[in-house]
């Protein structure tokens, strides 16, 4: 991890130099030396900060709320739900479990297309 990356991750985590120093049990001047490239950032610190950033991103995506206002409706049709979901696709794809679901169905559709292509090609040869 270089000095620039350390500083970017620290800021993304919302930490001051002093707060980061306290978390990893070093002096504030040590963090400053890393950020000003006066000292090399230890590998363990880089691994720790990247892990914390990944956890932070994951927690934010878990807490993301995408809500549809249905207060004025007695019933909600599947078509209305589908239209809403399609309109928020980018937001949904940031949620790991939803992304996994979407990727699974995309791969399944690709496999079906490939199978149809193989069948059509074999019929042309006959």
C-alpha atoms as a PDB file:
ATOM      1  CA  UNK A   1       0.000   0.000   0.000  1.00  0.00           C
ATOM      2  CA  UNK A   2       1.344   3.391  -0.922  1.00  0.00           C
ATOM      3  CA  UNK A   3       0.906   6.720   0.869  1.00  0.00           C
ATOM      4  CA  UNK A   4      -1.850   7.956  -1.446  1.00  0.00           C
ATOM      5  CA  UNK A   5      -3.915   4.776  -1.089  1.00  0.00           C
ATOM      6  CA  UNK A   6      -3.544   4.865   2.701  1.00  0.00           C
ATOM      7  CA  UNK A   7      -4.855   8.418   2.827  1.00  0.00           C
ATOM      8  CA  UNK A   8      -7.755   7.661   0.456  1.00  0.00           C
ATOM      9  CA  UNK A   9      -8.871   4.624   2.451  1.00  0.00           C
ATOM     10  CA  UNK A  10      -8.534   6.488   5.752  1.00  0.00           C
ATOM     11  CA  UNK A  11     -10.770   9.263   4.418  1.00  0.00           C
ATOM     12  CA  UNK A  12     -13.300   6.806   2.943  1.00  0.00           C
ATOM     13  CA  UNK A  13     -13.550   5.224   6.379  1.00  0.00           C
ATOM     14  CA  UNK A  14     -14.158   8.672   7.854  1.00  0.00           C
ATOM     15  CA  UNK A  15     -11.096   8.545  10.091  1.00  0.00           C
ATOM     16  CA  UNK A  16      -8.718  11.289  11.096  1.00  0.00           C
ATOM     17  CA  UNK A  17      -5.023  10.516  11.311  1.00  0.00           C
ATOM     18  CA  UNK A  18      -5.343  10.485  15.105  1.00  0.00           C
ATOM     19  CA  UNK A  19      -8.318   8.112  15.024  1.00  0.00           C
ATOM     20  CA  UNK A  20      -6.528   5.714  12.691  1.00  0.00           C
ATOM     21  CA  UNK A  21      -3.431   5.858  14.894  1.00  0.00           C
ATOM     22  CA  UNK A  22      -5.516   4.981  17.942  1.00  0.00           C
ATOM     23  CA  UNK A  23      -7.223   2.047  16.183  1.00  0.00           C
ATOM     24  CA  UNK A  24      -3.962   0.450  15.060  1.00  0.00           C
ATOM     25  CA  UNK A  25      -2.093   1.458  18.237  1.00  0.00           C
ATOM     26  CA  UNK A  26       0.579   3.693  16.747  1.00  0.00           C
ATOM     27  CA  UNK A  27       1.369   7.368  17.164  1.00  0.00           C
ATOM     28  CA  UNK A  28      -0.284  10.039  15.032  1.00  0.00           C
ATOM     29  CA  UNK A  29       3.159  11.026  13.749  1.00  0.00           C
ATOM     30  CA  UNK A  30       3.622   7.488  12.415  1.00  0.00           C
ATOM     31  CA  UNK A  31       0.421   7.761  10.350  1.00  0.00           C
ATOM     32  CA  UNK A  32       1.568  11.161   9.121  1.00  0.00           C
ATOM     33  CA  UNK A  33       4.947   9.701   8.126  1.00  0.00           C
ATOM     34  CA  UNK A  34       3.160   6.976   6.133  1.00  0.00           C
ATOM     35  CA  UNK A  35       0.916   9.489   4.381  1.00  0.00           C
ATOM     36  CA  UNK A  36       3.801  11.830   3.538  1.00  0.00           C
ATOM     37  CA  UNK A  37       5.765   8.848   2.256  1.00  0.00           C
ATOM     38  CA  UNK A  38       8.499   9.362   4.853  1.00  0.00           C
ATOM     39  CA  UNK A  39       8.028   5.770   6.052  1.00  0.00           C
ATOM     40  CA  UNK A  40       6.811   2.669   4.279  1.00  0.00           C
ATOM     41  CA  UNK A  41       3.289   1.523   5.218  1.00  0.00           C
ATOM     42  CA  UNK A  42       3.546  -1.925   6.845  1.00  0.00           C
ATOM     43  CA  UNK A  43       1.869  -4.682   4.844  1.00  0.00           C
ATOM     44  CA  UNK A  44      -0.308  -5.680   7.816  1.00  0.00           C
ATOM     45  CA  UNK A  45      -1.693  -2.138   8.035  1.00  0.00           C
ATOM     46  CA  UNK A  46      -2.553  -2.201   4.337  1.00  0.00           C
ATOM     47  CA  UNK A  47      -4.319  -5.555   4.649  1.00  0.00           C
ATOM     48  CA  UNK A  48      -6.218  -4.356   7.727  1.00  0.00           C
ATOM     49  CA  UNK A  49      -7.384  -1.098   6.103  1.00  0.00           C
ATOM     50  CA  UNK A  50      -8.468  -2.768   2.858  1.00  0.00           C
ATOM     51  CA  UNK A  51     -10.460  -5.287   4.888  1.00  0.00           C
ATOM     52  CA  UNK A  52     -12.103  -2.514   6.926  1.00  0.00           C
ATOM     53  CA  UNK A  53     -12.984  -0.627   3.736  1.00  0.00           C
ATOM     54  CA  UNK A  54     -14.530  -3.753   2.191  1.00  0.00           C
ATOM     55  CA  UNK A  55     -16.548  -4.367   5.374  1.00  0.00           C
ATOM     56  CA  UNK A  56     -17.691  -0.747   5.388  1.00  0.00           C
ATOM     57  CA  UNK A  57     -18.875  -0.949   1.781  1.00  0.00           C
ATOM     58  CA  UNK A  58     -20.652  -4.245   2.422  1.00  0.00           C
ATOM     59  CA  UNK A  59     -22.395  -2.882   5.521  1.00  0.00           C
ATOM     60  CA  UNK A  60     -23.552   0.200   3.618  1.00  0.00           C
ATOM     61  CA  UNK A  61     -25.015  -1.944   0.846  1.00  0.00           C
ATOM     62  CA  UNK A  62     -26.795  -4.142   3.399  1.00  0.00           C
ATOM     63  CA  UNK A  63     -28.353  -1.063   4.954  1.00  0.00           C
ATOM     64  CA  UNK A  64     -29.395   0.426   1.621  1.00  0.00           C
ATOM     65  CA  UNK A  65     -33.122   0.886   1.437  1.00  0.00           C
ATOM     66  CA  UNK A  66     -34.925   0.902  -1.862  1.00  0.00           C
ATOM     67  CA  UNK A  67     -38.580   1.494  -1.165  1.00  0.00           C
ATOM     68  CA  UNK A  68     -41.634   1.769  -3.345  1.00  0.00           C
ATOM     69  CA  UNK A  69     -44.433   3.979  -2.088  1.00  0.00           C
ATOM     70  CA  UNK A  70     -47.608   1.912  -2.230  1.00  0.00           C
ATOM     71  CA  UNK A  71     -49.614   3.931   0.275  1.00  0.00           C
ATOM     72  CA  UNK A  72     -52.094   4.998  -2.425  1.00  0.00           C
ATOM     73  CA  UNK A  73     -52.702   1.462  -3.738  1.00  0.00           C
ATOM     74  CA  UNK A  74     -54.998  -1.319  -2.581  1.00  0.00           C
ATOM     75  CA  UNK A  75     -53.133  -3.878  -4.665  1.00  0.00           C
ATOM     76  CA  UNK A  76     -49.796  -3.987  -6.402  1.00  0.00           C
ATOM     77  CA  UNK A  77     -49.425  -5.861  -9.666  1.00  0.00           C
ATOM     78  CA  UNK A  78     -46.359  -7.817 -10.697  1.00  0.00           C
ATOM     79  CA  UNK A  79     -46.015  -5.507 -13.679  1.00  0.00           C
ATOM     80  CA  UNK A  80     -45.832  -2.451 -11.390  1.00  0.00           C
ATOM     81  CA  UNK A  81     -43.214  -4.181  -9.249  1.00  0.00           C
ATOM     82  CA  UNK A  82     -41.193  -5.183 -12.315  1.00  0.00           C
ATOM     83  CA  UNK A  83     -41.280  -1.638 -13.706  1.00  0.00           C
ATOM     84  CA  UNK A  84     -40.120  -0.282 -10.341  1.00  0.00           C
ATOM     85  CA  UNK A  85     -37.295  -2.841 -10.123  1.00  0.00           C
ATOM     86  CA  UNK A  86     -36.123  -2.152 -13.666  1.00  0.00           C
ATOM     87  CA  UNK A  87     -36.050   1.550 -12.887  1.00  0.00           C
ATOM     88  CA  UNK A  88     -33.741   0.897  -9.923  1.00  0.00           C
ATOM     89  CA  UNK A  89     -31.556  -1.813 -11.448  1.00  0.00           C
ATOM     90  CA  UNK A  90     -28.275   0.015 -10.788  1.00  0.00           C
ATOM     91  CA  UNK A  91     -29.143   0.369  -7.102  1.00  0.00           C
ATOM     92  CA  UNK A  92     -30.195  -3.275  -6.794  1.00  0.00           C
ATOM     93  CA  UNK A  93     -27.000  -4.532  -8.402  1.00  0.00           C
ATOM     94  CA  UNK A  94     -25.003  -2.928  -5.572  1.00  0.00           C
ATOM     95  CA  UNK A  95     -26.636  -5.319  -3.086  1.00  0.00           C
ATOM     96  CA  UNK A  96     -24.475  -8.475  -3.071  1.00  0.00           C
ATOM     97  CA  UNK A  97     -27.319 -11.005  -2.774  1.00  0.00           C
ATOM     98  CA  UNK A  98     -29.343  -9.334  -5.531  1.00  0.00           C
ATOM     99  CA  UNK A  99     -26.279  -9.133  -7.787  1.00  0.00           C
ATOM    100  CA  UNK A 100     -25.697 -12.845  -7.243  1.00  0.00           C
ATOM    101  CA  UNK A 101     -29.325 -13.557  -8.188  1.00  0.00           C
ATOM    102  CA  UNK A 102     -29.123 -11.411 -11.333  1.00  0.00           C
ATOM    103  CA  UNK A 103     -25.795 -12.954 -12.387  1.00  0.00           C
ATOM    104  CA  UNK A 104     -27.197 -16.459 -11.885  1.00  0.00           C
ATOM    105  CA  UNK A 105     -30.129 -15.739 -14.188  1.00  0.00           C
ATOM    106  CA  UNK A 106     -27.898 -14.068 -16.778  1.00  0.00           C
ATOM    107  CA  UNK A 107     -25.628 -17.122 -16.829  1.00  0.00           C
ATOM    108  CA  UNK A 108     -28.634 -19.424 -17.079  1.00  0.00           C
ATOM    109  CA  UNK A 109     -29.953 -17.439 -20.056  1.00  0.00           C
ATOM    110  CA  UNK A 110     -26.528 -17.561 -21.733  1.00  0.00           C
ATOM    111  CA  UNK A 111     -26.408 -21.338 -21.263  1.00  0.00           C
ATOM    112  CA  UNK A 112     -29.874 -21.718 -22.824  1.00  0.00           C
ATOM    113  CA  UNK A 113     -28.855 -19.587 -25.813  1.00  0.00           C
ATOM    114  CA  UNK A 114     -25.701 -21.628 -26.291  1.00  0.00           C
ATOM    115  CA  UNK A 115     -27.695 -24.862 -26.129  1.00  0.00           C
ATOM    116  CA  UNK A 116     -30.171 -23.566 -28.748  1.00  0.00           C
ATOM    117  CA  UNK A 117     -27.275 -22.466 -30.955  1.00  0.00           C
ATOM    118  CA  UNK A 118     -25.701 -25.929 -30.757  1.00  0.00           C
ATOM    119  CA  UNK A 119     -29.028 -27.611 -31.572  1.00  0.00           C
ATOM    120  CA  UNK A 120     -29.642 -25.307 -34.562  1.00  0.00           C
ATOM    121  CA  UNK A 121     -26.134 -25.896 -35.901  1.00  0.00           C
ATOM    122  CA  UNK A 122     -26.493 -29.656 -35.595  1.00  0.00           C
ATOM    123  CA  UNK A 123     -29.833 -29.549 -37.487  1.00  0.00           C
ATOM    124  CA  UNK A 124     -28.212 -27.548 -40.316  1.00  0.00           C
ATOM    125  CA  UNK A 125     -25.577 -30.251 -40.706  1.00  0.00           C
ATOM    126  CA  UNK A 126     -28.194 -33.024 -41.005  1.00  0.00           C
END
